[in-house]
Amino acid sequence: MADNNIPVTANGDVTIDCDNNNDQTTCKIVFSHDNGTELARIQENGCFGIGNTAPTYPLDVLKDGNSENIIANLKNINSGNSAGVALNLLAYNASTKITKFGAGHSTQASNMVINNVGGDIIFKWSGTEKLRITSDGKLKIGSWTIQG
């Protein structure tokens, strides 16, 4: 092909295998543009980097800029009375869901809800606990506990 494009079309699964005989340790699939400027990569160890040529986590996103950088945008554009968007954090036998409800929600309009299943919600500054909401509803600020 004269334009160096490789079209991929299929009526079923498509597999891209960067080390099909498993004899390498650093193979990668790279997405680039503009004469090789790397945008993203999937490394052989399964780490996916966006804007990062050396990802060390399963999803590793890098944005370099001297301003407020939005790294991820989770969006639900539905305007219904139950609409919202949520981020689920799951660890062994524990979960937390952070939900932002839409302005048209019937009972939680524009609210943000943190639902922690098991355990307290703790806010720290430089590793030092500053505020805690206990699972039984008590509030601890610094060394003071407000009984509720």
Protein backbone atom coordinates (compact mmCIF):
# COMPACT_ATOMS: atom_id res chain seq x y z
CA MET A 1 0.00 0.00 0.00
CA ALA A 2 1.39 3.34 -1.02
CA ASP A 3 -0.08 5.31 1.88
CA ASN A 4 1.23 2.94 4.62
CA ASN A 5 -2.26 2.45 6.06
CA ILE A 6 -3.32 -1.03 7.12
CA PRO A 7 -7.09 -1.31 6.98
CA VAL A 8 -8.62 -3.81 9.39
CA THR A 9 -12.10 -5.11 8.69
CA ALA A 10 -13.83 -8.20 10.01
CA ASN A 11 -17.20 -9.81 10.46
CA GLY A 12 -15.97 -11.36 13.72
CA ASP A 13 -13.12 -11.13 16.20
CA VAL A 14 -9.84 -9.34 15.44
CA THR A 15 -6.67 -10.36 17.28
CA ILE A 16 -3.46 -8.34 17.35
CA ASP A 17 -0.59 -10.38 18.78
CA CYS A 18 2.71 -8.60 19.32
CA ASP A 19 4.63 -11.66 20.64
CA ASN A 20 2.86 -14.80 19.46
CA ASN A 21 5.78 -17.11 20.28
CA ASN A 22 6.40 -15.56 23.72
CA ASP A 23 10.13 -15.07 23.14
CA GLN A 24 10.23 -11.34 23.97
CA THR A 25 9.69 -9.37 27.17
CA THR A 26 9.28 -5.81 25.90
CA CYS A 27 6.95 -6.04 22.90
CA LYS A 28 4.26 -3.39 22.60
CA ILE A 29 1.44 -2.19 20.41
CA VAL A 30 1.82 1.54 19.75
CA PHE A 31 -0.77 4.05 18.53
CA SER A 32 0.88 7.08 16.96
CA HIS A 33 0.28 9.99 14.60
CA ASP A 34 2.11 12.81 12.86
CA ASN A 35 5.17 10.87 11.74
CA GLY A 36 5.50 8.73 14.85
CA THR A 37 4.37 10.89 17.79
CA GLU A 38 3.20 8.29 20.29
CA LEU A 39 -0.34 8.69 21.65
CA ALA A 40 -0.86 5.40 23.50
CA ARG A 41 0.60 1.93 23.93
CA ILE A 42 -0.29 -1.51 25.21
CA GLN A 43 2.75 -3.25 26.63
CA GLU A 44 3.30 -6.99 26.66
CA ASN A 45 2.72 -7.05 30.44
CA GLY A 46 -0.82 -5.69 29.88
CA CYS A 47 -0.16 -2.12 31.04
CA PHE A 48 -1.97 0.46 28.90
CA GLY A 49 -0.42 3.91 28.70
CA ILE A 50 -2.10 7.03 27.35
CA GLY A 51 0.39 9.86 26.91
CA ASN A 52 2.90 7.67 28.73
CA THR A 53 5.66 5.72 27.00
CA ALA A 54 6.49 3.70 30.14
CA PRO A 55 3.23 2.69 31.85
CA THR A 56 3.65 0.79 35.12
CA TYR A 57 -0.02 0.31 36.04
CA PRO A 58 -2.86 -1.48 34.21
CA LEU A 59 -4.12 1.99 33.18
CA ASP A 60 -1.48 4.72 33.32
CA VAL A 61 -2.50 8.15 32.01
CA LEU A 62 -0.04 11.04 31.80
CA LYS A 63 -0.85 14.66 30.98
CA ASP A 64 1.88 17.27 31.31
CA GLY A 65 0.73 20.86 31.61
CA ASN A 66 1.07 23.87 33.87
CA SER A 67 -2.68 24.20 34.43
CA GLU A 68 -5.64 22.25 35.75
CA ASN A 69 -5.68 19.08 33.67
CA ILE A 70 -8.79 16.95 33.40
CA ILE A 71 -7.38 13.44 33.02
CA ALA A 72 -10.65 11.54 32.71
CA ASN A 73 -14.16 12.60 31.82
CA LEU A 74 -17.00 10.28 32.87
CA LYS A 75 -20.23 11.49 31.33
CA ASN A 76 -23.89 10.51 31.18
CA ILE A 77 -25.82 12.91 28.95
CA ASN A 78 -29.26 11.45 29.69
CA SER A 79 -31.61 14.03 31.26
CA GLY A 80 -34.03 11.55 32.83
CA ASN A 81 -35.14 11.66 36.46
CA SER A 82 -32.81 8.77 37.42
CA ALA A 83 -29.73 9.86 35.46
CA GLY A 84 -26.31 9.95 37.06
CA VAL A 85 -22.74 8.81 36.53
CA ALA A 86 -20.73 6.67 38.94
CA LEU A 87 -17.21 5.47 39.61
CA ASN A 88 -16.94 2.10 41.34
CA LEU A 89 -13.85 1.30 43.40
CA LEU A 90 -13.64 -2.40 44.24
CA ALA A 91 -11.15 -4.18 46.48
CA TYR A 92 -11.41 -7.62 48.04
CA ASN A 93 -14.80 -7.79 49.81
CA ALA A 94 -15.08 -3.98 49.93
CA SER A 95 -16.45 -1.38 47.55
CA THR A 96 -17.01 2.34 47.27
CA LYS A 97 -19.20 4.05 44.72
CA ILE A 98 -18.94 7.76 43.99
CA THR A 99 -22.01 9.01 42.15
CA LYS A 100 -22.82 12.41 40.67
CA PHE A 101 -26.53 12.79 39.97
CA GLY A 102 -27.97 14.88 37.15
CA ALA A 103 -29.88 18.11 37.69
CA GLY A 104 -33.12 16.38 36.73
CA HIS A 105 -32.82 13.49 39.20
CA SER A 106 -36.07 13.01 41.13
CA THR A 107 -34.55 12.71 44.65
CA GLN A 108 -30.82 13.52 44.39
CA ALA A 109 -30.76 16.46 41.94
CA SER A 110 -27.15 17.64 41.40
CA ASN A 111 -25.94 15.79 44.54
CA MET A 112 -22.67 13.88 44.81
CA VAL A 113 -22.91 10.73 46.94
CA ILE A 114 -20.05 8.64 48.29
CA ASN A 115 -21.33 5.20 49.28
CA ASN A 116 -18.69 3.21 51.16
CA VAL A 117 -19.65 -0.41 51.86
CA GLY A 118 -17.87 -1.36 55.10
CA GLY A 119 -15.36 0.81 56.91
CA ASP A 120 -14.99 4.53 57.44
CA ILE A 121 -14.42 7.39 55.01
CA ILE A 122 -11.12 9.07 55.88
CA PHE A 123 -9.63 12.34 54.59
CA LYS A 124 -5.85 12.75 54.94
CA TRP A 125 -3.40 15.56 54.28
CA SER A 126 0.21 14.50 53.61
CA GLY A 127 -0.56 11.14 55.20
CA THR A 128 -2.06 12.60 58.39
CA GLU A 129 -5.72 11.99 59.10
CA LYS A 130 -7.73 15.22 59.30
CA LEU A 131 -11.35 14.07 59.09
CA ARG A 132 -13.17 10.75 59.47
CA ILE A 133 -16.78 9.76 58.98
CA THR A 134 -17.28 6.46 60.76
CA SER A 135 -19.50 3.70 59.44
CA ASP A 136 -21.92 4.34 62.33
CA GLY A 137 -22.31 8.04 61.41
CA LYS A 138 -19.91 9.74 63.82
CA LEU A 139 -17.70 12.59 62.65
CA LYS A 140 -14.10 12.93 63.83
CA ILE A 141 -12.21 16.15 63.06
CA GLY A 142 -8.56 16.10 64.09
CA SER A 143 -8.55 14.67 67.62
CA TRP A 144 -12.18 15.61 68.34
CA THR A 145 -15.06 13.19 67.89
CA ILE A 146 -18.53 14.63 67.47
CA GLN A 147 -21.07 12.18 68.85
CA GLY A 148 -24.15 11.86 66.69
